[in-house]
N, C-alpha and C. Protein backbone atom coordinates (compact mmCIF):
# COMPACT_ATOMS: atom_id res chain seq x y z
N LEU A 1 -34.31 -2.09 -4.02
CA LEU A 1 -35.51 -1.04 -4.97
C LEU A 1 -35.44 -2.66 -6.19
N VAL A 2 -36.49 -3.27 -6.31
CA VAL A 2 -36.81 -4.36 -6.99
C VAL A 2 -37.74 -3.78 -8.10
N TYR A 3 -38.56 -3.33 -7.86
CA TYR A 3 -39.69 -2.95 -8.69
C TYR A 3 -40.11 -1.29 -8.34
N PHE A 4 -40.27 -0.45 -9.57
CA PHE A 4 -40.43 0.65 -9.32
C PHE A 4 -41.50 1.63 -10.61
N GLU A 5 -42.49 2.34 -10.46
CA GLU A 5 -43.48 2.78 -11.44
C GLU A 5 -43.78 4.22 -11.11
N ARG A 6 -43.94 5.21 -12.04
CA ARG A 6 -44.68 6.35 -12.05
C ARG A 6 -45.55 6.46 -12.84
N MET A 7 -46.22 7.20 -12.38
CA MET A 7 -47.72 7.41 -13.50
C MET A 7 -46.74 8.86 -13.93
N GLU A 8 -47.57 9.28 -15.18
CA GLU A 8 -47.19 10.67 -15.37
C GLU A 8 -47.94 11.74 -15.08
N ASP A 9 -47.18 13.15 -15.11
CA ASP A 9 -47.35 14.44 -14.69
C ASP A 9 -47.69 14.08 -12.50
N THR A 10 -47.27 13.22 -11.86
CA THR A 10 -47.30 13.34 -10.55
C THR A 10 -45.92 14.08 -10.30
N GLN A 11 -46.51 14.28 -8.98
CA GLN A 11 -45.22 15.08 -8.01
C GLN A 11 -44.21 14.51 -8.24
N THR A 12 -43.22 14.78 -8.36
CA THR A 12 -41.84 13.97 -8.17
C THR A 12 -41.25 13.62 -6.63
N ALA A 13 -41.37 14.47 -6.09
CA ALA A 13 -41.85 14.71 -4.52
C ALA A 13 -42.40 12.72 -4.13
N SER A 14 -43.43 12.77 -4.69
CA SER A 14 -44.16 11.49 -4.58
C SER A 14 -43.35 9.92 -4.71
N MET A 15 -42.31 9.98 -5.44
CA MET A 15 -41.38 8.98 -5.98
C MET A 15 -40.72 8.81 -4.21
N ASP A 16 -39.64 9.55 -4.13
CA ASP A 16 -39.35 9.12 -2.81
C ASP A 16 -39.76 8.85 -1.66
N ILE A 17 -41.17 9.67 -1.09
CA ILE A 17 -41.77 9.39 -0.27
C ILE A 17 -42.47 7.53 -0.47
N ALA A 18 -42.95 7.33 -1.66
CA ALA A 18 -43.27 5.98 -1.89
C ALA A 18 -42.25 5.24 -1.52
N ILE A 19 -40.64 5.61 -2.05
CA ILE A 19 -39.79 4.85 -1.69
C ILE A 19 -39.57 4.31 -0.13
N GLY A 20 -39.76 5.80 0.24
CA GLY A 20 -39.64 6.24 1.99
C GLY A 20 -40.64 5.18 2.52
N LYS A 21 -41.51 4.95 2.12
CA LYS A 21 -42.57 4.01 2.95
C LYS A 21 -42.11 2.88 2.59
N ALA A 22 -42.20 1.91 1.53
CA ALA A 22 -42.02 0.84 1.72
C ALA A 22 -40.62 0.85 2.17
N ARG A 23 -39.61 0.65 2.36
CA ARG A 23 -38.47 1.07 3.02
C ARG A 23 -38.93 -0.11 4.59
N THR A 24 -39.86 1.77 4.95
CA THR A 24 -40.22 1.80 6.45
C THR A 24 -40.84 0.29 6.65
N ALA A 25 -42.05 0.14 5.94
CA ALA A 25 -42.84 -1.17 6.30
C ALA A 25 -42.14 -2.22 5.99
N ALA A 26 -41.08 -2.74 5.39
CA ALA A 26 -39.81 -4.10 5.03
C ALA A 26 -38.83 -4.23 6.58
N THR A 27 -39.00 -2.52 6.76
CA THR A 27 -37.50 -2.80 7.79
C THR A 27 -38.50 -3.00 9.41
N TYR A 28 -39.54 -2.20 9.49
CA TYR A 28 -40.36 -2.77 10.57
C TYR A 28 -40.81 -3.43 10.14
N ARG A 29 -41.32 -4.52 9.31
CA ARG A 29 -42.22 -5.46 9.18
C ARG A 29 -43.92 -5.09 10.26
N ARG A 30 -44.08 -3.66 9.28
CA ARG A 30 -45.09 -3.50 9.87
C ARG A 30 -45.96 -2.11 8.84
N THR A 31 -47.28 -1.71 8.97
CA THR A 31 -47.51 -0.80 7.85
C THR A 31 -47.01 0.67 8.72
N THR A 32 -46.89 1.49 7.95
CA THR A 32 -46.49 3.23 7.96
C THR A 32 -47.94 3.42 8.48
N ARG A 33 -49.11 3.24 8.73
CA ARG A 33 -50.05 3.38 9.63
C ARG A 33 -50.02 3.28 10.78
N VAL A 34 -49.12 2.74 11.09
CA VAL A 34 -48.47 2.34 12.81
C VAL A 34 -47.61 3.49 13.60
N PHE A 35 -47.06 3.79 12.37
CA PHE A 35 -45.99 4.97 13.09
C PHE A 35 -47.32 6.34 13.05
N MET A 36 -47.41 6.36 11.88
CA MET A 36 -48.71 7.65 12.37
C MET A 36 -49.29 7.75 13.47
N GLU A 37 -50.45 6.61 13.99
CA GLU A 37 -50.90 6.37 14.52
C GLU A 37 -49.73 6.63 16.08
N ALA A 38 -48.61 6.18 16.30
CA ALA A 38 -48.11 6.05 17.73
C ALA A 38 -47.41 7.55 17.74
N ILE A 39 -47.44 8.84 17.46
CA ILE A 39 -46.60 9.53 16.87
C ILE A 39 -47.84 9.88 17.29
N ASN A 40 -48.94 10.15 16.70
CA ASN A 40 -49.99 11.09 17.16
C ASN A 40 -50.14 10.77 18.94
N LYS A 41 -49.88 9.89 19.45
CA LYS A 41 -50.11 9.37 20.40
C LYS A 41 -49.11 9.98 21.59
N GLY A 42 -48.02 9.97 20.86
CA GLY A 42 -46.42 10.73 22.02
C GLY A 42 -44.87 11.00 20.37
N PRO A 43 -44.59 11.40 20.71
CA PRO A 43 -44.21 11.73 20.01
C PRO A 43 -42.00 11.06 20.16
N ALA A 44 -41.64 9.96 20.68
CA ALA A 44 -40.87 9.26 20.40
C ALA A 44 -40.63 8.59 19.43
N THR A 45 -42.24 8.11 19.28
CA THR A 45 -41.63 7.41 17.86
C THR A 45 -40.88 8.28 16.06
N ALA A 46 -41.11 9.15 16.53
CA ALA A 46 -40.51 10.29 15.64
C ALA A 46 -39.12 10.46 15.46
N THR A 47 -38.72 9.73 16.23
CA THR A 47 -36.96 9.02 16.23
C THR A 47 -36.43 8.31 16.00
N LEU A 48 -37.14 7.55 15.36
CA LEU A 48 -36.51 6.21 15.35
C LEU A 48 -36.48 6.76 13.39
N PRO A 49 -35.28 5.84 12.95
CA PRO A 49 -34.09 6.30 12.34
C PRO A 49 -34.91 5.71 10.99
N GLY A 50 -35.06 6.20 9.97
CA GLY A 50 -36.06 6.04 8.38
C GLY A 50 -37.27 5.70 8.53
N VAL A 51 -38.14 6.19 9.45
CA VAL A 51 -39.60 5.90 9.60
C VAL A 51 -40.26 7.14 8.67
N VAL A 52 -41.29 6.69 7.84
CA VAL A 52 -42.05 7.27 7.32
C VAL A 52 -43.21 7.35 7.87
N ALA A 53 -44.16 8.03 8.45
CA ALA A 53 -45.07 7.79 9.16
C ALA A 53 -46.26 8.27 8.51
N SER A 54 -46.15 8.13 7.40
CA SER A 54 -47.72 8.53 6.74
C SER A 54 -48.36 7.20 6.05
N PRO A 55 -49.66 6.74 5.71
CA PRO A 55 -50.13 5.76 5.45
C PRO A 55 -49.46 5.48 4.17
N GLY A 56 -49.50 4.62 3.55
CA GLY A 56 -48.89 3.65 2.27
C GLY A 56 -48.07 2.58 2.10
N GLY A 57 -47.48 2.41 3.31
CA GLY A 57 -46.61 1.19 3.05
C GLY A 57 -46.97 -0.26 3.73
N VAL A 58 -46.45 -1.07 3.27
CA VAL A 58 -47.68 -2.01 3.33
C VAL A 58 -46.33 -3.36 3.41
N PRO A 59 -46.05 -3.84 4.36
CA PRO A 59 -44.88 -4.79 4.16
C PRO A 59 -45.85 -6.13 3.54
N ILE A 60 -44.45 -7.03 2.89
CA ILE A 60 -45.30 -8.14 1.90
C ILE A 60 -44.74 -9.42 2.79
N PHE A 61 -45.13 -10.22 2.88
CA PHE A 61 -45.43 -11.49 4.22
C PHE A 61 -45.67 -12.52 3.76
N VAL A 62 -44.12 -13.76 3.37
CA VAL A 62 -44.58 -15.12 2.68
C VAL A 62 -44.27 -15.89 3.49
N GLY A 63 -44.83 -16.83 4.09
CA GLY A 63 -44.28 -17.60 5.18
C GLY A 63 -43.69 -17.66 6.17
N GLY A 64 -44.58 -16.21 6.61
CA GLY A 64 -44.48 -15.87 8.14
C GLY A 64 -43.16 -14.44 8.35
N LYS A 65 -42.41 -14.23 7.39
CA LYS A 65 -40.95 -13.85 7.03
C LYS A 65 -41.42 -12.19 5.75
N VAL A 66 -40.72 -11.05 6.16
CA VAL A 66 -41.52 -10.22 5.12
C VAL A 66 -39.87 -10.23 3.99
N ILE A 67 -40.44 -10.12 2.71
CA ILE A 67 -40.07 -10.90 1.74
C ILE A 67 -39.68 -9.15 1.02
N GLY A 68 -40.54 -8.23 1.21
CA GLY A 68 -40.39 -6.88 0.36
C GLY A 68 -41.69 -6.08 1.07
N ALA A 69 -42.24 -5.34 0.33
CA ALA A 69 -43.25 -3.84 1.04
C ALA A 69 -43.04 -3.05 -0.30
N ALA A 70 -44.41 -2.76 -0.45
CA ALA A 70 -45.06 -1.67 -1.58
C ALA A 70 -45.00 -0.43 -0.92
N GLY A 71 -45.10 0.44 -1.29
CA GLY A 71 -45.04 2.07 -0.61
C GLY A 71 -45.34 2.49 -2.08
N VAL A 72 -46.95 3.59 -2.14
CA VAL A 72 -47.42 4.78 -2.62
C VAL A 72 -47.55 5.86 -2.18
N SER A 73 -47.50 6.64 -3.15
CA SER A 73 -47.76 8.13 -2.63
C SER A 73 -48.41 9.08 -3.90
N GLY A 74 -49.29 10.08 -3.29
CA GLY A 74 -49.69 10.67 -4.58
C GLY A 74 -51.19 11.06 -4.30
N VAL A 75 -51.64 10.16 -3.60
CA VAL A 75 -53.30 11.19 -2.89
C VAL A 75 -53.11 11.00 -1.61
N THR A 76 -53.60 10.77 -0.44
CA THR A 76 -54.39 10.63 0.68
C THR A 76 -53.56 9.37 0.90
N GLY A 77 -53.34 9.81 2.68
CA GLY A 77 -53.17 8.71 2.96
C GLY A 77 -53.29 7.15 3.19
N ASP A 78 -54.79 7.26 3.32
CA ASP A 78 -55.80 6.00 3.21
C ASP A 78 -56.14 5.20 1.83
N GLN A 79 -55.91 6.47 1.08
CA GLN A 79 -55.75 6.04 -0.50
C GLN A 79 -54.37 5.37 -0.57
N ASP A 80 -53.17 6.24 -0.33
CA ASP A 80 -52.05 5.17 -0.58
C ASP A 80 -52.22 3.89 -0.19
N GLU A 81 -52.76 3.81 0.80
CA GLU A 81 -52.67 2.19 1.90
C GLU A 81 -53.44 1.30 1.33
N GLN A 82 -54.63 1.89 0.55
CA GLN A 82 -55.41 0.81 -0.16
C GLN A 82 -55.09 0.59 -1.85
N CYS A 83 -54.71 1.80 -1.83
CA CYS A 83 -53.02 0.96 -3.63
C CYS A 83 -52.18 0.22 -2.69
N ALA A 84 -51.72 0.02 -2.09
CA ALA A 84 -50.87 -0.92 -1.80
C ALA A 84 -51.21 -2.09 -1.52
N LYS A 85 -52.35 -1.84 -0.52
CA LYS A 85 -52.86 -3.28 -1.03
C LYS A 85 -53.47 -4.05 -1.68
N ALA A 86 -53.78 -3.47 -2.94
CA ALA A 86 -54.10 -3.96 -3.80
C ALA A 86 -53.21 -4.35 -5.04
N GLY A 87 -52.31 -3.95 -4.66
CA GLY A 87 -51.13 -4.26 -5.43
C GLY A 87 -50.27 -5.49 -5.17
N ILE A 88 -50.59 -5.70 -3.43
CA ILE A 88 -50.16 -6.63 -3.26
C ILE A 88 -51.65 -7.99 -3.39
N ALA A 89 -52.28 -7.78 -3.06
CA ALA A 89 -53.14 -8.74 -3.01
C ALA A 89 -53.14 -8.96 -5.03
N GLY A 90 -52.71 -8.32 -6.02
CA GLY A 90 -52.85 -8.90 -7.29
C GLY A 90 -51.77 -9.52 -7.55
N MET A 91 -50.90 -9.92 -6.23
CA MET A 91 -49.43 -10.95 -6.93
C MET A 91 -49.24 -11.80 -7.27
C-alpha cells in the first residue's frame, strides 16, 4: 500500500474493500468488474485466491506494465469504478 485516503464518516468496511479491490486489480492485471461478470456466468472464478469481484478496482499501467492499482469503495460498484478511473486519469 503506497497511498490510502478515507473520507470522514464512511463505513469502516469500505477501507478493507477498497484495498482488496486494488490488490485484485494489480495482481490479476484487470479491473475487478471482469471478475463480477465472470462469476455471473459461472461460479468457478469465485474460487480464485484474493479476488474481490465488485467494480471499483482498476489497474494502473505504464509502458504496458502494471505499476499498481486504484481501489474505491463506498457507493455503487459503477460509481466506485468511475472514481477509481478518474483518480488514475488525474495522475
